[in-house]
Amino acid sequence: MESPPNNVVTVVPIAQSEGTFTYVAVKGSLHASDSAVFGLNGDEVKALSKRFSNSTTEIVNGVNIKGPPMSVINSLSLLGYKVVCSTGEIEVVWTLQREV
């Protein structure tokens, strides 16, 4: 019997929960000291700016933060976000959600 190729994707059904969610994406490398965050509202940008003072700059559709991705994700968890998926190897994108 042949083994499946290495690039096979297994789809796992996710239980649907009731509610409305908002999503953000964090992009960065585990070896980097900066991250890009997309999808934040103005209040969330202000909150991260306080946590990472003098280190946020606007980029197309988001903000760049001088902080490692795990620190940014942990800070977003304090705002109610949780990681729901990630993709990538060298540069990773984490998708986070919170209930509205």
PDB file of N, CA and C in Angstrom:
ATOM      1  N   MET A   1       0.844  -1.182   0.000  1.00  0.00           N
ATOM      2  CA  MET A   1       0.000   0.000   0.000  1.00  0.00           C
ATOM      3  C   MET A   1       0.884   1.239   0.000  1.00  0.00           C
ATOM      4  N   GLU A   2       0.578   2.176  -0.867  1.00  0.00           N
ATOM      5  CA  GLU A   2       1.340   3.421  -0.974  1.00  0.00           C
ATOM      6  C   GLU A   2       0.964   4.385   0.141  1.00  0.00           C
ATOM      7  N   SER A   3       1.950   5.094   0.648  1.00  0.00           N
ATOM      8  CA  SER A   3       1.643   6.118   1.645  1.00  0.00           C
ATOM      9  C   SER A   3       1.251   7.401   0.912  1.00  0.00           C
ATOM     10  N   PRO A   4       0.397   8.219   1.546  1.00  0.00           N
ATOM     11  CA  PRO A   4      -0.053   9.453   0.882  1.00  0.00           C
ATOM     12  C   PRO A   4       1.092  10.435   0.742  1.00  0.00           C
ATOM     13  N   PRO A   5       1.021  11.333  -0.242  1.00  0.00           N
ATOM     14  CA  PRO A   5       2.061  12.352  -0.403  1.00  0.00           C
ATOM     15  C   PRO A   5       2.116  13.271   0.814  1.00  0.00           C
ATOM     16  N   ASN A   6       3.244  13.928   0.997  1.00  0.00           N
ATOM     17  CA  ASN A   6       3.446  14.797   2.155  1.00  0.00           C
ATOM     18  C   ASN A   6       2.574  16.042   2.159  1.00  0.00           C
ATOM     19  N   ASN A   7       2.024  16.414   1.014  1.00  0.00           N
ATOM     20  CA  ASN A   7       1.264  17.665   0.956  1.00  0.00           C
ATOM     21  C   ASN A   7      -0.250  17.456   1.054  1.00  0.00           C
ATOM     22  N   VAL A   8      -0.693  16.360   1.638  1.00  0.00           N
ATOM     23  CA  VAL A   8      -2.116  16.090   1.796  1.00  0.00           C
ATOM     24  C   VAL A   8      -2.651  16.917   2.955  1.00  0.00           C
ATOM     25  N   VAL A   9      -3.768  17.573   2.738  1.00  0.00           N
ATOM     26  CA  VAL A   9      -4.413  18.370   3.773  1.00  0.00           C
ATOM     27  C   VAL A   9      -5.634  17.619   4.265  1.00  0.00           C
ATOM     28  N   THR A  10      -5.729  17.448   5.565  1.00  0.00           N
ATOM     29  CA  THR A  10      -6.889  16.806   6.156  1.00  0.00           C
ATOM     30  C   THR A  10      -7.828  17.885   6.661  1.00  0.00           C
ATOM     31  N   VAL A  11      -9.063  17.839   6.240  1.00  0.00           N
ATOM     32  CA  VAL A  11     -10.056  18.822   6.663  1.00  0.00           C
ATOM     33  C   VAL A  11     -10.737  18.288   7.917  1.00  0.00           C
ATOM     34  N   VAL A  12     -10.687  19.097   8.972  1.00  0.00           N
ATOM     35  CA  VAL A  12     -11.308  18.727  10.233  1.00  0.00           C
ATOM     36  C   VAL A  12     -12.498  19.643  10.450  1.00  0.00           C
ATOM     37  N   PRO A  13     -13.703  19.083  10.601  1.00  0.00           N
ATOM     38  CA  PRO A  13     -14.868  19.948  10.812  1.00  0.00           C
ATOM     39  C   PRO A  13     -14.768  20.672  12.150  1.00  0.00           C
ATOM     40  N   ILE A  14     -15.167  21.927  12.145  1.00  0.00           N
ATOM     41  CA  ILE A  14     -15.163  22.738  13.353  1.00  0.00           C
ATOM     42  C   ILE A  14     -16.604  22.930  13.787  1.00  0.00           C
ATOM     43  N   ALA A  15     -16.849  22.666  15.065  1.00  0.00           N
ATOM     44  CA  ALA A  15     -18.197  22.835  15.591  1.00  0.00           C
ATOM     45  C   ALA A  15     -18.582  24.307  15.522  1.00  0.00           C
ATOM     46  N   GLN A  16     -19.724  24.581  14.952  1.00  0.00           N
ATOM     47  CA  GLN A  16     -20.199  25.951  14.837  1.00  0.00           C
ATOM     48  C   GLN A  16     -20.737  26.420  16.182  1.00  0.00           C
ATOM     49  N   SER A  17     -20.287  27.570  16.609  1.00  0.00           N
ATOM     50  CA  SER A  17     -20.831  28.154  17.822  1.00  0.00           C
ATOM     51  C   SER A  17     -21.638  29.378  17.433  1.00  0.00           C
ATOM     52  N   GLU A  18     -22.581  29.718  18.280  1.00  0.00           N
ATOM     53  CA  GLU A  18     -23.407  30.879  17.979  1.00  0.00           C
ATOM     54  C   GLU A  18     -22.638  32.140  18.345  1.00  0.00           C
ATOM     55  N   GLY A  19     -22.932  33.194  17.663  1.00  0.00           N
ATOM     56  CA  GLY A  19     -22.285  34.458  17.974  1.00  0.00           C
ATOM     57  C   GLY A  19     -21.683  35.103  16.749  1.00  0.00           C
ATOM     58  N   THR A  20     -21.241  36.327  16.937  1.00  0.00           N
ATOM     59  CA  THR A  20     -20.587  37.082  15.887  1.00  0.00           C
ATOM     60  C   THR A  20     -19.138  37.271  16.291  1.00  0.00           C
ATOM     61  N   PHE A  21     -18.247  37.068  15.335  1.00  0.00           N
ATOM     62  CA  PHE A  21     -16.825  37.142  15.622  1.00  0.00           C
ATOM     63  C   PHE A  21     -16.149  38.192  14.768  1.00  0.00           C
ATOM     64  N   THR A  22     -15.047  38.706  15.280  1.00  0.00           N
ATOM     65  CA  THR A  22     -14.177  39.571  14.506  1.00  0.00           C
ATOM     66  C   THR A  22     -12.818  38.891  14.457  1.00  0.00           C
ATOM     67  N   TYR A  23     -12.104  39.082  13.361  1.00  0.00           N
ATOM     68  CA  TYR A  23     -10.845  38.389  13.140  1.00  0.00           C
ATOM     69  C   TYR A  23      -9.726  39.375  12.864  1.00  0.00           C
ATOM     70  N   VAL A  24      -8.526  39.040  13.328  1.00  0.00           N
ATOM     71  CA  VAL A  24      -7.322  39.790  12.996  1.00  0.00           C
ATOM     72  C   VAL A  24      -6.245  38.785  12.591  1.00  0.00           C
ATOM     73  N   ALA A  25      -5.240  39.268  11.899  1.00  0.00           N
ATOM     74  CA  ALA A  25      -4.118  38.419  11.490  1.00  0.00           C
ATOM     75  C   ALA A  25      -2.825  39.051  11.986  1.00  0.00           C
ATOM     76  N   VAL A  26      -1.945  38.195  12.498  1.00  0.00           N
ATOM     77  CA  VAL A  26      -0.609  38.615  12.921  1.00  0.00           C
ATOM     78  C   VAL A  26       0.381  37.911  12.014  1.00  0.00           C
ATOM     79  N   LYS A  27       1.278  38.679  11.394  1.00  0.00           N
ATOM     80  CA  LYS A  27       2.268  38.098  10.488  1.00  0.00           C
ATOM     81  C   LYS A  27       3.661  38.387  11.018  1.00  0.00           C
ATOM     82  N   GLY A  28       4.496  37.349  11.050  1.00  0.00           N
ATOM     83  CA  GLY A  28       5.867  37.540  11.495  1.00  0.00           C
ATOM     84  C   GLY A  28       6.631  36.232  11.510  1.00  0.00           C
ATOM     85  N   SER A  29       7.857  36.317  11.932  1.00  0.00           N
ATOM     86  CA  SER A  29       8.719  35.149  12.060  1.00  0.00           C
ATOM     87  C   SER A  29       9.021  34.930  13.533  1.00  0.00           C
ATOM     88  N   LEU A  30       9.135  33.676  13.919  1.00  0.00           N
ATOM     89  CA  LEU A  30       9.476  33.373  15.310  1.00  0.00           C
ATOM     90  C   LEU A  30      10.883  33.853  15.650  1.00  0.00           C
ATOM     91  N   HIS A  31      11.659  34.192  14.638  1.00  0.00           N
ATOM     92  CA  HIS A  31      13.027  34.656  14.842  1.00  0.00           C
ATOM     93  C   HIS A  31      13.148  36.168  14.710  1.00  0.00           C
ATOM     94  N   ALA A  32      12.040  36.865  14.512  1.00  0.00           N
ATOM     95  CA  ALA A  32      12.065  38.307  14.269  1.00  0.00           C
ATOM     96  C   ALA A  32      11.676  39.078  15.525  1.00  0.00           C
ATOM     97  N   SER A  33      11.971  40.364  15.504  1.00  0.00           N
ATOM     98  CA  SER A  33      11.613  41.225  16.632  1.00  0.00           C
ATOM     99  C   SER A  33      10.530  42.228  16.262  1.00  0.00           C
ATOM    100  N   ASP A  34       9.849  41.999  15.132  1.00  0.00           N
ATOM    101  CA  ASP A  34       8.728  42.856  14.755  1.00  0.00           C
ATOM    102  C   ASP A  34       7.637  42.013  14.125  1.00  0.00           C
ATOM    103  N   SER A  35       6.429  42.564  14.117  1.00  0.00           N
ATOM    104  CA  SER A  35       5.244  41.861  13.628  1.00  0.00           C
ATOM    105  C   SER A  35       4.355  42.845  12.890  1.00  0.00           C
ATOM    106  N   ALA A  36       3.531  42.317  12.003  1.00  0.00           N
ATOM    107  CA  ALA A  36       2.500  43.115  11.344  1.00  0.00           C
ATOM    108  C   ALA A  36       1.147  42.577  11.801  1.00  0.00           C
ATOM    109  N   VAL A  37       0.235  43.490  12.090  1.00  0.00           N
ATOM    110  CA  VAL A  37      -1.099  43.095  12.545  1.00  0.00           C
ATOM    111  C   VAL A  37      -2.122  43.750  11.633  1.00  0.00           C
ATOM    112  N   PHE A  38      -3.080  42.964  11.186  1.00  0.00           N
ATOM    113  CA  PHE A  38      -4.098  43.429  10.252  1.00  0.00           C
ATOM    114  C   PHE A  38      -5.489  43.199  10.851  1.00  0.00           C
ATOM    115  N   GLY A  39      -6.376  44.178  10.661  1.00  0.00           N
ATOM    116  CA  GLY A  39      -7.769  44.016  11.060  1.00  0.00           C
ATOM    117  C   GLY A  39      -8.139  44.615  12.401  1.00  0.00           C
ATOM    118  N   LEU A  40      -7.239  45.323  13.039  1.00  0.00           N
ATOM    119  CA  LEU A  40      -7.542  45.926  14.339  1.00  0.00           C
ATOM    120  C   LEU A  40      -8.387  47.182  14.171  1.00  0.00           C
ATOM    121  N   ASN A  41      -9.238  47.461  15.157  1.00  0.00           N
ATOM    122  CA  ASN A  41      -9.947  48.734  15.144  1.00  0.00           C
ATOM    123  C   ASN A  41      -9.092  49.778  15.856  1.00  0.00           C
ATOM    124  N   GLY A  42      -9.509  51.021  15.839  1.00  0.00           N
ATOM    125  CA  GLY A  42      -8.720  52.110  16.407  1.00  0.00           C
ATOM    126  C   GLY A  42      -8.391  51.939  17.880  1.00  0.00           C
ATOM    127  N   ASP A  43      -9.360  51.476  18.672  1.00  0.00           N
ATOM    128  CA  ASP A  43      -9.123  51.279  20.106  1.00  0.00           C
ATOM    129  C   ASP A  43      -8.098  50.175  20.351  1.00  0.00           C
ATOM    130  N   GLU A  44      -8.141  49.127  19.544  1.00  0.00           N
ATOM    131  CA  GLU A  44      -7.187  48.032  19.704  1.00  0.00           C
ATOM    132  C   GLU A  44      -5.780  48.468  19.317  1.00  0.00           C
ATOM    133  N   VAL A  45      -5.665  49.318  18.292  1.00  0.00           N
ATOM    134  CA  VAL A  45      -4.355  49.858  17.904  1.00  0.00           C
ATOM    135  C   VAL A  45      -3.803  50.701  19.055  1.00  0.00           C
ATOM    136  N   LYS A  46      -4.663  51.522  19.682  1.00  0.00           N
ATOM    137  CA  LYS A  46      -4.230  52.342  20.816  1.00  0.00           C
ATOM    138  C   LYS A  46      -3.752  51.467  21.973  1.00  0.00           C
ATOM    139  N   ALA A  47      -4.482  50.386  22.248  1.00  0.00           N
ATOM    140  CA  ALA A  47      -4.100  49.484  23.338  1.00  0.00           C
ATOM    141  C   ALA A  47      -2.738  48.847  23.072  1.00  0.00           C
ATOM    142  N   LEU A  48      -2.501  48.410  21.847  1.00  0.00           N
ATOM    143  CA  LEU A  48      -1.202  47.817  21.512  1.00  0.00           C
ATOM    144  C   LEU A  48      -0.106  48.874  21.525  1.00  0.00           C
ATOM    145  N   SER A  49      -0.457  50.099  21.132  1.00  0.00           N
ATOM    146  CA  SER A  49       0.528  51.185  21.144  1.00  0.00           C
ATOM    147  C   SER A  49       0.992  51.476  22.568  1.00  0.00           C
ATOM    148  N   LYS A  50       0.106  51.319  23.533  1.00  0.00           N
ATOM    149  CA  LYS A  50       0.494  51.507  24.934  1.00  0.00           C
ATOM    150  C   LYS A  50       1.418  50.386  25.393  1.00  0.00           C
ATOM    151  N   ARG A  51       1.117  49.188  24.960  1.00  0.00           N
ATOM    152  CA  ARG A  51       1.920  48.021  25.357  1.00  0.00           C
ATOM    153  C   ARG A  51       3.294  48.055  24.696  1.00  0.00           C
ATOM    154  N   PHE A  52       3.346  48.457  23.442  1.00  0.00           N
ATOM    155  CA  PHE A  52       4.594  48.538  22.686  1.00  0.00           C
ATOM    156  C   PHE A  52       4.827  50.014  22.345  1.00  0.00           C
ATOM    157  N   SER A  53       5.154  50.800  23.350  1.00  0.00           N
ATOM    158  CA  SER A  53       5.223  52.251  23.189  1.00  0.00           C
ATOM    159  C   SER A  53       6.242  52.679  22.134  1.00  0.00           C
ATOM    160  N   ASN A  54       5.829  53.683  21.374  1.00  0.00           N
ATOM    161  CA  ASN A  54       6.661  54.288  20.319  1.00  0.00           C
ATOM    162  C   ASN A  54       7.169  53.276  19.295  1.00  0.00           C
ATOM    163  N   SER A  55       6.400  52.233  19.059  1.00  0.00           N
ATOM    164  CA  SER A  55       6.905  51.231  18.123  1.00  0.00           C
ATOM    165  C   SER A  55       5.889  50.811  17.076  1.00  0.00           C
ATOM    166  N   THR A  56       4.745  51.472  17.002  1.00  0.00           N
ATOM    167  CA  THR A  56       3.755  51.098  15.997  1.00  0.00           C
ATOM    168  C   THR A  56       3.790  52.102  14.852  1.00  0.00           C
ATOM    169  N   THR A  57       3.799  51.571  13.642  1.00  0.00           N
ATOM    170  CA  THR A  57       3.729  52.408  12.450  1.00  0.00           C
ATOM    171  C   THR A  57       2.671  51.828  11.521  1.00  0.00           C
ATOM    172  N   GLU A  58       1.953  52.705  10.859  1.00  0.00           N
ATOM    173  CA  GLU A  58       0.918  52.251   9.933  1.00  0.00           C
ATOM    174  C   GLU A  58       1.546  51.663   8.684  1.00  0.00           C
ATOM    175  N   ILE A  59       0.950  50.572   8.216  1.00  0.00           N
ATOM    176  CA  ILE A  59       1.303  49.963   6.942  1.00  0.00           C
ATOM    177  C   ILE A  59       0.002  49.734   6.190  1.00  0.00           C
ATOM    178  N   VAL A  60       0.065  49.297   4.965  1.00  0.00           N
ATOM    179  CA  VAL A  60      -1.138  49.069   4.173  1.00  0.00           C
ATOM    180  C   VAL A  60      -2.016  48.045   4.891  1.00  0.00           C
ATOM    181  N   ASN A  61      -3.233  48.446   5.218  1.00  0.00           N
ATOM    182  CA  ASN A  61      -4.235  47.594   5.857  1.00  0.00           C
ATOM    183  C   ASN A  61      -3.891  47.136   7.261  1.00  0.00           C
ATOM    184  N   GLY A  62      -2.925  47.752   7.920  1.00  0.00           N
ATOM    185  CA  GLY A  62      -2.575  47.301   9.267  1.00  0.00           C
ATOM    186  C   GLY A  62      -1.555  48.187   9.936  1.00  0.00           C
ATOM    187  N   VAL A  63      -0.897  47.611  10.957  1.00  0.00           N
ATOM    188  CA  VAL A  63       0.158  48.308  11.681  1.00  0.00           C
ATOM    189  C   VAL A  63       1.347  47.373  11.844  1.00  0.00           C
ATOM    190  N   ASN A  64       2.525  47.960  11.844  1.00  0.00           N
ATOM    191  CA  ASN A  64       3.746  47.225  12.129  1.00  0.00           C
ATOM    192  C   ASN A  64       4.106  47.524  13.576  1.00  0.00           C
ATOM    193  N   ILE A  65       4.439  46.489  14.334  1.00  0.00           N
ATOM    194  CA  ILE A  65       4.750  46.641  15.753  1.00  0.00           C
ATOM    195  C   ILE A  65       6.137  46.086  16.007  1.00  0.00           C
ATOM    196  N   LYS A  66       6.955  46.860  16.698  1.00  0.00           N
ATOM    197  CA  LYS A  66       8.286  46.384  17.065  1.00  0.00           C
ATOM    198  C   LYS A  66       8.156  45.525  18.311  1.00  0.00           C
ATOM    199  N   GLY A  67       7.772  44.283  18.087  1.00  0.00           N
ATOM    200  CA  GLY A  67       7.616  43.301  19.146  1.00  0.00           C
ATOM    201  C   GLY A  67       7.496  41.938  18.511  1.00  0.00           C
ATOM    202  N   PRO A  68       8.062  40.907  19.137  1.00  0.00           N
ATOM    203  CA  PRO A  68       7.982  39.568  18.557  1.00  0.00           C
ATOM    204  C   PRO A  68       6.532  39.082  18.458  1.00  0.00           C
ATOM    205  N   PRO A  69       6.237  38.265  17.462  1.00  0.00           N
ATOM    206  CA  PRO A  69       4.858  37.823  17.250  1.00  0.00           C
ATOM    207  C   PRO A  69       4.194  37.206  18.485  1.00  0.00           C
ATOM    208  N   MET A  70       4.931  36.419  19.252  1.00  0.00           N
ATOM    209  CA  MET A  70       4.314  35.785  20.427  1.00  0.00           C
ATOM    210  C   MET A  70       3.917  36.826  21.473  1.00  0.00           C
ATOM    211  N   SER A  71       4.709  37.876  21.631  1.00  0.00           N
ATOM    212  CA  SER A  71       4.346  38.948  22.563  1.00  0.00           C
ATOM    213  C   SER A  71       3.108  39.689  22.075  1.00  0.00           C
ATOM    214  N   VAL A  72       3.032  39.924  20.772  1.00  0.00           N
ATOM    215  CA  VAL A  72       1.866  40.595  20.197  1.00  0.00           C
ATOM    216  C   VAL A  72       0.622  39.722  20.368  1.00  0.00           C
ATOM    217  N   ILE A  73       0.747  38.434  20.076  1.00  0.00           N
ATOM    218  CA  ILE A  73      -0.393  37.508  20.238  1.00  0.00           C
ATOM    219  C   ILE A  73      -0.825  37.449  21.695  1.00  0.00           C
ATOM    220  N   ASN A  74       0.124  37.384  22.630  1.00  0.00           N
ATOM    221  CA  ASN A  74      -0.234  37.369  24.047  1.00  0.00           C
ATOM    222  C   ASN A  74      -0.928  38.659  24.456  1.00  0.00           C
ATOM    223  N   SER A  75      -0.500  39.787  23.903  1.00  0.00           N
ATOM    224  CA  SER A  75      -1.168  41.056  24.196  1.00  0.00           C
ATOM    225  C   SER A  75      -2.585  41.073  23.631  1.00  0.00           C
ATOM    226  N   LEU A  76      -2.760  40.522  22.429  1.00  0.00           N
ATOM    227  CA  LEU A  76      -4.104  40.457  21.844  1.00  0.00           C
ATOM    228  C   LEU A  76      -5.012  39.517  22.635  1.00  0.00           C
ATOM    229  N   SER A  77      -4.438  38.519  23.280  1.00  0.00           N
ATOM    230  CA  SER A  77      -5.267  37.624  24.096  1.00  0.00           C
ATOM    231  C   SER A  77      -5.870  38.380  25.283  1.00  0.00           C
ATOM    232  N   LEU A  78      -5.164  39.404  25.769  1.00  0.00           N
ATOM    233  CA  LEU A  78      -5.705  40.233  26.850  1.00  0.00           C
ATOM    234  C   LEU A  78      -6.898  41.059  26.375  1.00  0.00           C
ATOM    235  N   LEU A  79      -7.004  41.247  25.050  1.00  0.00           N
ATOM    236  CA  LEU A  79      -8.146  41.963  24.474  1.00  0.00           C
ATOM    237  C   LEU A  79      -9.262  41.004  24.079  1.00  0.00           C
ATOM    238  N   GLY A  80      -9.108  39.715  24.398  1.00  0.00           N
ATOM    239  CA  GLY A  80     -10.158  38.741  24.124  1.00  0.00           C
ATOM    240  C   GLY A  80      -9.939  37.885  22.898  1.00  0.00           C
ATOM    241  N   TYR A  81      -8.831  38.032  22.219  1.00  0.00           N
ATOM    242  CA  TYR A  81      -8.565  37.245  21.011  1.00  0.00           C
ATOM    243  C   TYR A  81      -7.955  35.903  21.364  1.00  0.00           C
ATOM    244  N   LYS A  82      -8.237  34.918  20.534  1.00  0.00           N
ATOM    245  CA  LYS A  82      -7.573  33.622  20.650  1.00  0.00           C
ATOM    246  C   LYS A  82      -7.190  33.147  19.256  1.00  0.00           C
ATOM    247  N   VAL A  83      -6.085  32.431  19.174  1.00  0.00           N
ATOM    248  CA  VAL A  83      -5.609  31.920  17.894  1.00  0.00           C
ATOM    249  C   VAL A  83      -6.533  30.802  17.438  1.00  0.00           C
ATOM    250  N   VAL A  84      -6.982  30.892  16.180  1.00  0.00           N
ATOM    251  CA  VAL A  84      -7.831  29.834  15.623  1.00  0.00           C
ATOM    252  C   VAL A  84      -7.120  29.042  14.534  1.00  0.00           C
ATOM    253  N   CYS A  85      -6.063  29.616  13.944  1.00  0.00           N
ATOM    254  CA  CYS A  85      -5.268  28.863  12.968  1.00  0.00           C
ATOM    255  C   CYS A  85      -3.982  29.617  12.662  1.00  0.00           C
ATOM    256  N   SER A  86      -3.056  28.898  12.046  1.00  0.00           N
ATOM    257  CA  SER A  86      -1.817  29.517  11.596  1.00  0.00           C
ATOM    258  C   SER A  86      -1.359  28.807  10.337  1.00  0.00           C
ATOM    259  N   THR A  87      -0.538  29.501   9.574  1.00  0.00           N
ATOM    260  CA  THR A  87      -0.009  28.926   8.347  1.00  0.00           C
ATOM    261  C   THR A  87       1.356  29.526   8.069  1.00  0.00           C
ATOM    262  N   GLY A  88       2.199  28.768   7.418  1.00  0.00           N
ATOM    263  CA  GLY A  88       3.510  29.258   7.044  1.00  0.00           C
ATOM    264  C   GLY A  88       4.618  28.515   7.757  1.00  0.00           C
ATOM    265  N   GLU A  89       5.837  28.775   7.315  1.00  0.00           N
ATOM    266  CA  GLU A  89       7.006  28.154   7.917  1.00  0.00           C
ATOM    267  C   GLU A  89       8.001  29.218   8.376  1.00  0.00           C
ATOM    268  N   ILE A  90       8.639  29.893   7.437  1.00  0.00           N
ATOM    269  CA  ILE A  90       9.603  30.930   7.804  1.00  0.00           C
ATOM    270  C   ILE A  90       8.863  32.174   8.279  1.00  0.00           C
ATOM    271  N   GLU A  91       7.896  32.616   7.484  1.00  0.00           N
ATOM    272  CA  GLU A  91       7.015  33.704   7.887  1.00  0.00           C
ATOM    273  C   GLU A  91       5.652  33.097   8.153  1.00  0.00           C
ATOM    274  N   VAL A  92       5.122  33.344   9.333  1.00  0.00           N
ATOM    275  CA  VAL A  92       3.879  32.706   9.769  1.00  0.00           C
ATOM    276  C   VAL A  92       2.782  33.753   9.874  1.00  0.00           C
ATOM    277  N   VAL A  93       1.559  33.357   9.522  1.00  0.00           N
ATOM    278  CA  VAL A  93       0.389  34.201   9.743  1.00  0.00           C
ATOM    279  C   VAL A  93      -0.522  33.463  10.719  1.00  0.00           C
ATOM    280  N   TRP A  94      -0.802  34.114  11.833  1.00  0.00           N
ATOM    281  CA  TRP A  94      -1.723  33.592  12.829  1.00  0.00           C
ATOM    282  C   TRP A  94      -3.043  34.334  12.670  1.00  0.00           C
ATOM    283  N   THR A  95      -4.151  33.607  12.607  1.00  0.00           N
ATOM    284  CA  THR A  95      -5.475  34.211  12.575  1.00  0.00           C
ATOM    285  C   THR A  95      -6.068  34.095  13.973  1.00  0.00           C
ATOM    286  N   LEU A  96      -6.545  35.223  14.486  1.00  0.00           N
ATOM    287  CA  LEU A  96      -7.119  35.262  15.816  1.00  0.00           C
ATOM    288  C   LEU A  96      -8.570  35.729  15.714  1.00  0.00           C
ATOM    289  N   GLN A  97      -9.394  35.279  16.634  1.00  0.00           N
ATOM    290  CA  GLN A  97     -10.791  35.704  16.656  1.00  0.00           C
ATOM    291  C   GLN A  97     -11.190  36.081  18.074  1.00  0.00           C
ATOM    292  N   ARG A  98     -12.194  36.929  18.152  1.00  0.00           N
ATOM    293  CA  ARG A  98     -12.854  37.204  19.429  1.00  0.00           C
ATOM    294  C   ARG A  98     -14.330  37.428  19.156  1.00  0.00           C
ATOM    295  N   GLU A  99     -15.124  37.106  20.152  1.00  0.00           N
ATOM    296  CA  GLU A  99     -16.555  37.286  19.993  1.00  0.00           C
ATOM    297  C   GLU A  99     -16.903  38.756  20.193  1.00  0.00           C
ATOM    298  N   VAL A 100     -17.800  39.250  19.342  1.00  0.00           N
ATOM    299  CA  VAL A 100     -18.213  40.651  19.414  1.00  0.00           C
ATOM    300  C   VAL A 100     -19.396  40.769  20.344  1.00  0.00           C
TER     301      VAL A 100
END
